[in-house]
Amino acid sequence: MRLRALVARVAEFRVRDRTLVAAQRTIEQILAAREPTEEEALRYARVVERYFAASTREAEQRLRELDRRIAHVNQVQFNLQAERGVALRRVEVTQGVLSGVRELR
């Protein structure tokens, strides 16, 4: 039964939400004793959906924030590499000048 699989899957999560904890406990007790009514199954499904929809929104928001931060870090890295290239070229050019000065001695 799909409901039993859902109940087992939800039980794998460490949930602190009192509403979901209570619904989980209730549906587990019902399943241990008998098959749940359609209303009991739907009530449980609504609680699970509400909790996990909110959890998904939070995770997606965090993911967007992390993507933004990664993009910033990548831009900083790109800029630093460009600056390093300029500094390296400057060292090469100035060393060439110094080499020319040494040849005059």
C-alpha atoms as a PDB file:
ATOM      1  CA  MET A   1       0.000   0.000   0.000  1.00  0.00           C
ATOM      2  CA  ARG A   2       1.353   3.454  -0.912  1.00  0.00           C
ATOM      3  CA  LEU A   3       0.243   4.923   2.414  1.00  0.00           C
ATOM      4  CA  ARG A   4       2.407   2.471   4.352  1.00  0.00           C
ATOM      5  CA  ALA A   5       5.394   3.365   2.185  1.00  0.00           C
ATOM      6  CA  LEU A   6       4.770   7.076   2.772  1.00  0.00           C
ATOM      7  CA  VAL A   7       4.453   6.557   6.531  1.00  0.00           C
ATOM      8  CA  ALA A   8       7.705   4.591   6.556  1.00  0.00           C
ATOM      9  CA  ARG A   9       9.440   7.267   4.489  1.00  0.00           C
ATOM     10  CA  VAL A  10       8.271  10.100   6.746  1.00  0.00           C
ATOM     11  CA  ALA A  11       9.396   8.100   9.791  1.00  0.00           C
ATOM     12  CA  GLU A  12      12.964   8.265   8.440  1.00  0.00           C
ATOM     13  CA  PHE A  13      13.051  12.026   8.992  1.00  0.00           C
ATOM     14  CA  ARG A  14      13.889  13.687  12.264  1.00  0.00           C
ATOM     15  CA  VAL A  15      10.782  15.823  12.647  1.00  0.00           C
ATOM     16  CA  ARG A  16      10.151  18.226  15.492  1.00  0.00           C
ATOM     17  CA  ASP A  17       6.928  19.753  14.183  1.00  0.00           C
ATOM     18  CA  ARG A  18       4.315  18.821  16.779  1.00  0.00           C
ATOM     19  CA  THR A  19       1.490  18.563  14.280  1.00  0.00           C
ATOM     20  CA  LEU A  20       3.384  16.167  12.044  1.00  0.00           C
ATOM     21  CA  VAL A  21       4.731  14.170  14.985  1.00  0.00           C
ATOM     22  CA  ALA A  22       1.193  13.715  16.292  1.00  0.00           C
ATOM     23  CA  ALA A  23      -0.165  12.794  12.848  1.00  0.00           C
ATOM     24  CA  GLN A  24       2.690  10.333  12.332  1.00  0.00           C
ATOM     25  CA  ARG A  25       2.089   8.693  15.696  1.00  0.00           C
ATOM     26  CA  THR A  26      -1.655   8.484  15.034  1.00  0.00           C
ATOM     27  CA  ILE A  27      -1.351   6.951  11.575  1.00  0.00           C
ATOM     28  CA  GLU A  28       1.267   4.455  12.805  1.00  0.00           C
ATOM     29  CA  GLN A  29      -1.098   3.354  15.577  1.00  0.00           C
ATOM     30  CA  ILE A  30      -3.962   3.054  13.110  1.00  0.00           C
ATOM     31  CA  LEU A  31      -1.843   1.030  10.683  1.00  0.00           C
ATOM     32  CA  ALA A  32      -0.755  -1.284  13.479  1.00  0.00           C
ATOM     33  CA  ALA A  33      -4.385  -1.985  14.363  1.00  0.00           C
ATOM     34  CA  ARG A  34      -6.250  -1.815  11.049  1.00  0.00           C
ATOM     35  CA  GLU A  35      -6.499  -0.193   7.663  1.00  0.00           C
ATOM     36  CA  PRO A  36      -7.127   3.552   7.910  1.00  0.00           C
ATOM     37  CA  THR A  37     -10.254   5.129   6.559  1.00  0.00           C
ATOM     38  CA  GLU A  38      -9.973   7.342   3.519  1.00  0.00           C
ATOM     39  CA  GLU A  39     -10.503  10.413   5.715  1.00  0.00           C
ATOM     40  CA  GLU A  40      -7.723   9.342   8.111  1.00  0.00           C
ATOM     41  CA  ALA A  41      -5.347   8.757   5.214  1.00  0.00           C
ATOM     42  CA  LEU A  42      -6.216  12.118   3.628  1.00  0.00           C
ATOM     43  CA  ARG A  43      -5.829  13.961   6.936  1.00  0.00           C
ATOM     44  CA  TYR A  44      -2.365  12.441   7.364  1.00  0.00           C
ATOM     45  CA  ALA A  45      -1.447  13.252   3.746  1.00  0.00           C
ATOM     46  CA  ARG A  46      -2.477  16.915   4.210  1.00  0.00           C
ATOM     47  CA  VAL A  47      -0.300  17.286   7.306  1.00  0.00           C
ATOM     48  CA  VAL A  48       2.661  15.651   5.546  1.00  0.00           C
ATOM     49  CA  GLU A  49       2.174  17.810   2.463  1.00  0.00           C
ATOM     50  CA  ARG A  50       1.980  21.021   4.502  1.00  0.00           C
ATOM     51  CA  TYR A  51       5.149  20.193   6.421  1.00  0.00           C
ATOM     52  CA  PHE A  52       7.222  19.025   3.470  1.00  0.00           C
ATOM     53  CA  ALA A  53       6.038  21.845   1.187  1.00  0.00           C
ATOM     54  CA  ALA A  54       7.297  24.352   3.752  1.00  0.00           C
ATOM     55  CA  SER A  55      10.511  22.380   4.144  1.00  0.00           C
ATOM     56  CA  THR A  56      10.986  22.354   0.383  1.00  0.00           C
ATOM     57  CA  ARG A  57      10.473  26.130   0.171  1.00  0.00           C
ATOM     58  CA  GLU A  58      13.087  26.675   2.881  1.00  0.00           C
ATOM     59  CA  ALA A  59      15.560  24.341   1.164  1.00  0.00           C
ATOM     60  CA  GLU A  60      15.001  26.013  -2.213  1.00  0.00           C
ATOM     61  CA  GLN A  61      15.542  29.443  -0.654  1.00  0.00           C
ATOM     62  CA  ARG A  62      18.780  28.224   0.929  1.00  0.00           C
ATOM     63  CA  LEU A  63      19.861  26.745  -2.391  1.00  0.00           C
ATOM     64  CA  ARG A  64      19.257  30.070  -4.176  1.00  0.00           C
ATOM     65  CA  GLU A  65      21.274  31.858  -1.492  1.00  0.00           C
ATOM     66  CA  LEU A  66      24.148  29.396  -1.851  1.00  0.00           C
ATOM     67  CA  ASP A  67      24.065  29.664  -5.649  1.00  0.00           C
ATOM     68  CA  ARG A  68      24.258  33.453  -5.334  1.00  0.00           C
ATOM     69  CA  ARG A  69      27.223  33.181  -2.970  1.00  0.00           C
ATOM     70  CA  ILE A  70      28.982  30.682  -5.241  1.00  0.00           C
ATOM     71  CA  ALA A  71      28.490  33.015  -8.212  1.00  0.00           C
ATOM     72  CA  HIS A  72      30.035  35.835  -6.168  1.00  0.00           C
ATOM     73  CA  VAL A  73      32.996  33.680  -5.170  1.00  0.00           C
ATOM     74  CA  ASN A  74      33.490  32.658  -8.799  1.00  0.00           C
ATOM     75  CA  GLN A  75      33.466  36.313  -9.867  1.00  0.00           C
ATOM     76  CA  VAL A  76      35.990  37.202  -7.164  1.00  0.00           C
ATOM     77  CA  GLN A  77      38.204  34.299  -8.251  1.00  0.00           C
ATOM     78  CA  PHE A  78      37.956  35.385 -11.899  1.00  0.00           C
ATOM     79  CA  ASN A  79      38.892  38.964 -10.964  1.00  0.00           C
ATOM     80  CA  LEU A  80      41.835  37.816  -8.851  1.00  0.00           C
ATOM     81  CA  GLN A  81      43.121  35.603 -11.654  1.00  0.00           C
ATOM     82  CA  ALA A  82      42.889  38.539 -14.054  1.00  0.00           C
ATOM     83  CA  GLU A  83      44.750  40.777 -11.595  1.00  0.00           C
ATOM     84  CA  ARG A  84      47.373  38.078 -11.149  1.00  0.00           C
ATOM     85  CA  GLY A  85      47.845  37.923 -14.906  1.00  0.00           C
ATOM     86  CA  VAL A  86      48.382  41.687 -15.013  1.00  0.00           C
ATOM     87  CA  ALA A  87      50.849  41.551 -12.111  1.00  0.00           C
ATOM     88  CA  LEU A  88      52.720  38.653 -13.708  1.00  0.00           C
ATOM     89  CA  ARG A  89      52.989  40.521 -17.008  1.00  0.00           C
ATOM     90  CA  ARG A  90      54.248  43.584 -15.110  1.00  0.00           C
ATOM     91  CA  VAL A  91      56.932  41.502 -13.400  1.00  0.00           C
ATOM     92  CA  GLU A  92      58.012  40.072 -16.755  1.00  0.00           C
ATOM     93  CA  VAL A  93      58.196  43.525 -18.360  1.00  0.00           C
ATOM     94  CA  THR A  94      60.083  45.120 -15.453  1.00  0.00           C
ATOM     95  CA  GLN A  95      62.494  42.195 -15.306  1.00  0.00           C
ATOM     96  CA  GLY A  96      63.144  42.736 -18.997  1.00  0.00           C
ATOM     97  CA  VAL A  97      63.997  46.374 -18.304  1.00  0.00           C
ATOM     98  CA  LEU A  98      66.259  45.389 -15.410  1.00  0.00           C
ATOM     99  CA  SER A  99      67.943  42.786 -17.608  1.00  0.00           C
ATOM    100  CA  GLY A 100      68.610  45.532 -20.172  1.00  0.00           C
ATOM    101  CA  VAL A 101      70.118  47.755 -17.453  1.00  0.00           C
ATOM    102  CA  ARG A 102      72.419  44.912 -16.305  1.00  0.00           C
ATOM    103  CA  GLU A 103      73.631  44.409 -19.869  1.00  0.00           C
ATOM    104  CA  LEU A 104      74.834  48.048 -19.905  1.00  0.00           C
ATOM    105  CA  ARG A 105      77.149  47.505 -16.953  1.00  0.00           C
END
